[in-house]
Each structure stands twice: as structure tokens, then as C-alpha cells.
PDB file of all heavy atoms in Angstrom:
ATOM      1  N   SER A   1      -2.187   7.918  -4.737  1.00  0.00           N
ATOM      2  CA  SER A   1      -3.203   6.962  -4.320  1.00  0.00           C
ATOM      3  C   SER A   1      -3.780   6.181  -5.568  1.00  0.00           C
ATOM      4  O   SER A   1      -3.962   5.044  -5.586  1.00  0.00           O
ATOM      5  CB  SER A   1      -4.374   7.544  -3.480  1.00  0.00           C
ATOM      6  OG  SER A   1      -3.807   7.989  -2.281  1.00  0.00           O
ATOM      7  N   GLN A   2      -4.030   7.007  -6.553  1.00  0.00           N
ATOM      8  CA  GLN A   2      -4.492   6.446  -7.878  1.00  0.00           C
ATOM      9  C   GLN A   2      -3.497   5.466  -8.421  1.00  0.00           C
ATOM     10  O   GLN A   2      -3.884   4.332  -8.936  1.00  0.00           O
ATOM     11  CB  GLN A   2      -4.774   7.533  -8.927  1.00  0.00           C
ATOM     12  CG  GLN A   2      -5.384   7.084 -10.242  1.00  0.00           C
ATOM     13  CD  GLN A   2      -5.533   8.256 -11.203  1.00  0.00           C
ATOM     14  OE1 GLN A   2      -5.404   9.416 -10.839  1.00  0.00           O
ATOM     15  NE2 GLN A   2      -5.834   7.944 -12.459  1.00  0.00           N
ATOM     16  N   ALA A   3      -2.275   5.802  -8.347  1.00  0.00           N
ATOM     17  CA  ALA A   3      -1.192   4.919  -8.896  1.00  0.00           C
ATOM     18  C   ALA A   3      -1.067   3.621  -7.997  1.00  0.00           C
ATOM     19  O   ALA A   3      -0.960   2.570  -8.570  1.00  0.00           O
ATOM     20  CB  ALA A   3       0.129   5.635  -8.921  1.00  0.00           C
ATOM     21  N   LEU A   4      -1.053   3.810  -6.751  1.00  0.00           N
ATOM     22  CA  LEU A   4      -0.917   2.667  -5.932  1.00  0.00           C
ATOM     23  C   LEU A   4      -2.072   1.613  -6.101  1.00  0.00           C
ATOM     24  O   LEU A   4      -1.852   0.388  -6.017  1.00  0.00           O
ATOM     25  CB  LEU A   4      -0.914   3.069  -4.362  1.00  0.00           C
ATOM     26  CG  LEU A   4       0.290   3.828  -4.019  1.00  0.00           C
ATOM     27  CD1 LEU A   4       0.242   4.303  -2.526  1.00  0.00           C
ATOM     28  CD2 LEU A   4       1.652   3.181  -4.274  1.00  0.00           C
ATOM     29  N   ARG A   5      -3.264   2.145  -6.319  1.00  0.00           N
ATOM     30  CA  ARG A   5      -4.378   1.287  -6.553  1.00  0.00           C
ATOM     31  C   ARG A   5      -4.422   0.534  -7.866  1.00  0.00           C
ATOM     32  O   ARG A   5      -5.092  -0.484  -8.096  1.00  0.00           O
ATOM     33  CB  ARG A   5      -5.673   2.020  -6.387  1.00  0.00           C
ATOM     34  CG  ARG A   5      -5.972   2.508  -4.986  1.00  0.00           C
ATOM     35  CD  ARG A   5      -7.430   3.075  -4.816  1.00  0.00           C
ATOM     36  NE  ARG A   5      -7.718   3.354  -3.423  1.00  0.00           N
ATOM     37  CZ  ARG A   5      -7.530   4.527  -2.918  1.00  0.00           C
ATOM     38  NH1 ARG A   5      -7.036   5.482  -3.573  1.00  0.00           N
ATOM     39  NH2 ARG A   5      -7.776   4.748  -1.635  1.00  0.00           N
ATOM     40  N   LYS A   6      -3.538   1.008  -8.834  1.00  0.00           N
ATOM     41  CA  LYS A   6      -3.456   0.441 -10.122  1.00  0.00           C
ATOM     42  C   LYS A   6      -2.515  -0.827 -10.114  1.00  0.00           C
ATOM     43  O   LYS A   6      -2.524  -1.583 -11.021  1.00  0.00           O
ATOM     44  CB  LYS A   6      -3.000   1.431 -11.198  1.00  0.00           C
ATOM     45  CG  LYS A   6      -2.992   1.003 -12.636  1.00  0.00           C
ATOM     46  CD  LYS A   6      -2.535   2.060 -13.552  1.00  0.00           C
ATOM     47  CE  LYS A   6      -2.403   1.495 -14.971  1.00  0.00           C
ATOM     48  NZ  LYS A   6      -1.909   2.444 -15.984  1.00  0.00           N
ATOM     49  N   LEU A   7      -1.666  -0.910  -9.099  1.00  0.00           N
ATOM     50  CA  LEU A   7      -0.657  -1.983  -9.058  1.00  0.00           C
ATOM     51  C   LEU A   7      -1.296  -3.277  -9.028  1.00  0.00           C
ATOM     52  O   LEU A   7      -2.375  -3.508  -8.408  1.00  0.00           O
ATOM     53  CB  LEU A   7       0.239  -1.801  -7.896  1.00  0.00           C
ATOM     54  CG  LEU A   7       1.122  -0.537  -7.928  1.00  0.00           C
ATOM     55  CD1 LEU A   7       1.726  -0.207  -6.563  1.00  0.00           C
ATOM     56  CD2 LEU A   7       2.276  -0.708  -8.972  1.00  0.00           C
ATOM     57  N   GLU A   8      -0.613  -4.341  -9.492  1.00  0.00           N
ATOM     58  CA  GLU A   8      -1.090  -5.772  -9.342  1.00  0.00           C
ATOM     59  C   GLU A   8      -0.553  -6.401  -8.114  1.00  0.00           C
ATOM     60  O   GLU A   8      -1.116  -7.352  -7.650  1.00  0.00           O
ATOM     61  CB  GLU A   8      -0.657  -6.519 -10.548  1.00  0.00           C
ATOM     62  CG  GLU A   8      -1.336  -6.097 -11.830  1.00  0.00           C
ATOM     63  CD  GLU A   8      -1.034  -7.025 -13.047  1.00  0.00           C
ATOM     64  OE1 GLU A   8      -0.451  -8.059 -12.791  1.00  0.00           O
ATOM     65  OE2 GLU A   8      -1.378  -6.690 -14.184  1.00  0.00           O
ATOM     66  N   LEU A   9       0.450  -5.752  -7.463  1.00  0.00           N
ATOM     67  CA  LEU A   9       1.004  -6.232  -6.260  1.00  0.00           C
ATOM     68  C   LEU A   9       1.579  -5.048  -5.506  1.00  0.00           C
ATOM     69  O   LEU A   9       2.464  -4.284  -5.948  1.00  0.00           O
ATOM     70  CB  LEU A   9       2.040  -7.301  -6.401  1.00  0.00           C
ATOM     71  CG  LEU A   9       2.701  -7.828  -5.087  1.00  0.00           C
ATOM     72  CD1 LEU A   9       1.716  -8.476  -4.215  1.00  0.00           C
ATOM     73  CD2 LEU A   9       3.962  -8.654  -5.395  1.00  0.00           C
ATOM     74  N   LEU A  10       1.163  -4.853  -4.186  1.00  0.00           N
ATOM     75  CA  LEU A  10       1.661  -3.762  -3.390  1.00  0.00           C
ATOM     76  C   LEU A  10       1.925  -4.476  -2.012  1.00  0.00           C
ATOM     77  O   LEU A  10       0.999  -4.974  -1.376  1.00  0.00           O
ATOM     78  CB  LEU A  10       0.707  -2.609  -3.176  1.00  0.00           C
ATOM     79  CG  LEU A  10       1.109  -1.525  -2.197  1.00  0.00           C
ATOM     80  CD1 LEU A  10       2.480  -0.931  -2.528  1.00  0.00           C
ATOM     81  CD2 LEU A  10       0.098  -0.410  -2.080  1.00  0.00           C
ATOM     82  N   VAL A  11       3.195  -4.441  -1.643  1.00  0.00           N
ATOM     83  CA  VAL A  11       3.607  -5.034  -0.286  1.00  0.00           C
ATOM     84  C   VAL A  11       4.242  -3.930   0.498  1.00  0.00           C
ATOM     85  O   VAL A  11       5.014  -3.070   0.097  1.00  0.00           O
ATOM     86  CB  VAL A  11       4.619  -6.199  -0.588  1.00  0.00           C
ATOM     87  CG1 VAL A  11       5.103  -6.703   0.713  1.00  0.00           C
ATOM     88  CG2 VAL A  11       4.092  -7.227  -1.401  1.00  0.00           C
ATOM     89  N   THR A  12       3.823  -3.877   1.822  1.00  0.00           N
ATOM     90  CA  THR A  12       4.421  -2.975   2.722  1.00  0.00           C
ATOM     91  C   THR A  12       5.127  -3.717   3.881  1.00  0.00           C
ATOM     92  O   THR A  12       4.600  -4.746   4.339  1.00  0.00           O
ATOM     93  CB  THR A  12       3.451  -1.974   3.312  1.00  0.00           C
ATOM     94  OG1 THR A  12       2.394  -2.649   4.013  1.00  0.00           O
ATOM     95  CG2 THR A  12       2.828  -1.091   2.271  1.00  0.00           C
ATOM     96  N   ILE A  13       6.207  -3.236   4.247  1.00  0.00           N
ATOM     97  CA  ILE A  13       6.991  -3.764   5.365  1.00  0.00           C
ATOM     98  C   ILE A  13       7.086  -2.581   6.387  1.00  0.00           C
ATOM     99  O   ILE A  13       7.715  -1.604   6.115  1.00  0.00           O
ATOM    100  CB  ILE A  13       8.457  -4.166   4.958  1.00  0.00           C
ATOM    101  CG1 ILE A  13       8.357  -5.228   3.832  1.00  0.00           C
ATOM    102  CG2 ILE A  13       9.186  -4.746   6.202  1.00  0.00           C
ATOM    103  CD1 ILE A  13       9.704  -5.521   3.145  1.00  0.00           C
ATOM    104  N   ASP A  14       6.467  -2.786   7.519  1.00  0.00           N
ATOM    105  CA  ASP A  14       6.368  -1.663   8.387  1.00  0.00           C
ATOM    106  C   ASP A  14       5.967  -2.127   9.845  1.00  0.00           C
ATOM    107  O   ASP A  14       5.782  -3.346  10.119  1.00  0.00           O
ATOM    108  CB  ASP A  14       5.296  -0.696   7.942  1.00  0.00           C
ATOM    109  CG  ASP A  14       5.595   0.734   8.273  1.00  0.00           C
ATOM    110  OD1 ASP A  14       5.870   1.129   9.400  1.00  0.00           O
ATOM    111  OD2 ASP A  14       5.578   1.610   7.304  1.00  0.00           O
ATOM    112  N   LEU A  15       5.848  -1.204  10.732  1.00  0.00           N
ATOM    113  CA  LEU A  15       5.445  -1.500  12.133  1.00  0.00           C
ATOM    114  C   LEU A  15       3.932  -1.182  12.362  1.00  0.00           C
ATOM    115  O   LEU A  15       3.245  -1.848  13.110  1.00  0.00           O
ATOM    116  CB  LEU A  15       6.159  -0.651  13.110  1.00  0.00           C
ATOM    117  CG  LEU A  15       7.697  -0.755  13.143  1.00  0.00           C
ATOM    118  CD1 LEU A  15       8.311   0.234  14.188  1.00  0.00           C
ATOM    119  CD2 LEU A  15       8.131  -2.229  13.444  1.00  0.00           C
ATOM    120  N   PHE A  16       3.433  -0.198  11.559  1.00  0.00           N
ATOM    121  CA  PHE A  16       2.089   0.311  11.814  1.00  0.00           C
ATOM    122  C   PHE A  16       1.296   0.324  10.428  1.00  0.00           C
ATOM    123  O   PHE A  16       1.920   0.323   9.377  1.00  0.00           O
ATOM    124  CB  PHE A  16       2.063   1.683  12.368  1.00  0.00           C
ATOM    125  CG  PHE A  16       2.897   1.758  13.668  1.00  0.00           C
ATOM    126  CD1 PHE A  16       4.184   2.151  13.684  1.00  0.00           C
ATOM    127  CD2 PHE A  16       2.213   1.407  14.821  1.00  0.00           C
ATOM    128  CE1 PHE A  16       4.838   2.202  14.898  1.00  0.00           C
ATOM    129  CE2 PHE A  16       2.900   1.419  16.055  1.00  0.00           C
ATOM    130  CZ  PHE A  16       4.237   1.835  16.110  1.00  0.00           C
ATOM    131  N   MET A  17       0.038   0.391  10.552  1.00  0.00           N
ATOM    132  CA  MET A  17      -0.892   0.381   9.353  1.00  0.00           C
ATOM    133  C   MET A  17      -0.899   1.848   8.867  1.00  0.00           C
ATOM    134  O   MET A  17      -1.740   2.651   9.203  1.00  0.00           O
ATOM    135  CB  MET A  17      -2.323  -0.105   9.747  1.00  0.00           C
ATOM    136  CG  MET A  17      -3.203  -0.260   8.518  1.00  0.00           C
ATOM    137  SD  MET A  17      -2.629  -1.304   7.129  1.00  0.00           S
ATOM    138  CE  MET A  17      -2.885  -2.946   8.068  1.00  0.00           C
ATOM    139  N   THR A  18       0.041   2.184   7.940  1.00  0.00           N
ATOM    140  CA  THR A  18       0.100   3.506   7.350  1.00  0.00           C
ATOM    141  C   THR A  18      -0.887   3.605   6.252  1.00  0.00           C
ATOM    142  O   THR A  18      -1.579   2.749   5.930  1.00  0.00           O
ATOM    143  CB  THR A  18       1.541   3.733   6.756  1.00  0.00           C
ATOM    144  OG1 THR A  18       1.705   2.802   5.651  1.00  0.00           O
ATOM    145  CG2 THR A  18       2.593   3.503   7.868  1.00  0.00           C
ATOM    146  N   ASP A  19      -0.991   4.942   5.695  1.00  0.00           N
ATOM    147  CA  ASP A  19      -1.909   5.193   4.587  1.00  0.00           C
ATOM    148  C   ASP A  19      -1.504   4.280   3.459  1.00  0.00           C
ATOM    149  O   ASP A  19      -2.383   3.851   2.684  1.00  0.00           O
ATOM    150  CB  ASP A  19      -1.793   6.644   4.217  1.00  0.00           C
ATOM    151  CG  ASP A  19      -2.459   7.537   5.256  1.00  0.00           C
ATOM    152  OD1 ASP A  19      -3.116   7.030   6.153  1.00  0.00           O
ATOM    153  OD2 ASP A  19      -2.332   8.801   5.053  1.00  0.00           O
ATOM    154  N   THR A  20      -0.236   4.116   3.143  1.00  0.00           N
ATOM    155  CA  THR A  20       0.203   3.207   2.057  1.00  0.00           C
ATOM    156  C   THR A  20      -0.148   1.764   2.351  1.00  0.00           C
ATOM    157  O   THR A  20      -0.684   1.047   1.454  1.00  0.00           O
ATOM    158  CB  THR A  20       1.733   3.325   1.821  1.00  0.00           C
ATOM    159  OG1 THR A  20       2.071   4.640   1.581  1.00  0.00           O
ATOM    160  CG2 THR A  20       2.186   2.464   0.746  1.00  0.00           C
ATOM    161  N   ALA A  21       0.010   1.318   3.593  1.00  0.00           N
ATOM    162  CA  ALA A  21      -0.256  -0.072   4.047  1.00  0.00           C
ATOM    163  C   ALA A  21      -1.767  -0.355   3.769  1.00  0.00           C
ATOM    164  O   ALA A  21      -2.109  -1.436   3.448  1.00  0.00           O
ATOM    165  CB  ALA A  21       0.224  -0.352   5.332  1.00  0.00           C
ATOM    166  N   LYS A  22      -2.667   0.607   4.037  1.00  0.00           N
ATOM    167  CA  LYS A  22      -3.993   0.330   3.961  1.00  0.00           C
ATOM    168  C   LYS A  22      -4.426  -0.064   2.505  1.00  0.00           C
ATOM    169  O   LYS A  22      -5.447  -0.774   2.346  1.00  0.00           O
ATOM    170  CB  LYS A  22      -4.819   1.585   4.305  1.00  0.00           C
ATOM    171  CG  LYS A  22      -4.732   1.943   5.797  1.00  0.00           C
ATOM    172  CD  LYS A  22      -5.490   3.220   6.182  1.00  0.00           C
ATOM    173  CE  LYS A  22      -5.381   3.564   7.660  1.00  0.00           C
ATOM    174  NZ  LYS A  22      -5.845   4.912   7.908  1.00  0.00           N
ATOM    175  N   MET A  23      -3.619   0.329   1.469  1.00  0.00           N
ATOM    176  CA  MET A  23      -3.885   0.037   0.147  1.00  0.00           C
ATOM    177  C   MET A  23      -3.193  -1.264  -0.392  1.00  0.00           C
ATOM    178  O   MET A  23      -3.375  -1.639  -1.477  1.00  0.00           O
ATOM    179  CB  MET A  23      -3.562   1.193  -0.775  1.00  0.00           C
ATOM    180  CG  MET A  23      -4.470   2.414  -0.614  1.00  0.00           C
ATOM    181  SD  MET A  23      -3.975   3.745  -1.781  1.00  0.00           S
ATOM    182  CE  MET A  23      -2.812   4.597  -0.787  1.00  0.00           C
ATOM    183  N   ALA A  24      -2.383  -1.869   0.602  1.00  0.00           N
ATOM    184  CA  ALA A  24      -1.568  -2.930   0.116  1.00  0.00           C
ATOM    185  C   ALA A  24      -2.280  -4.293   0.006  1.00  0.00           C
ATOM    186  O   ALA A  24      -3.357  -4.452   0.547  1.00  0.00           O
ATOM    187  CB  ALA A  24      -0.339  -3.131   1.082  1.00  0.00           C
TER     188      ALA A  24
END
């Protein structure tokens, strides 16, 4: 989670709002 929040761009392709998608 710390790493994902450090990104300058996070894109998710999915059907549902996953834990990863919430940070996108």
C-alpha cells in the first residue's frame, strides 16, 4: 500500500472496486 501510494499514476482495469482500485 505504501508503494502504490507513492506512484504518480495508478490505473486499474477491473469489474469491481478492489483494494488496489481504491488507491488508483
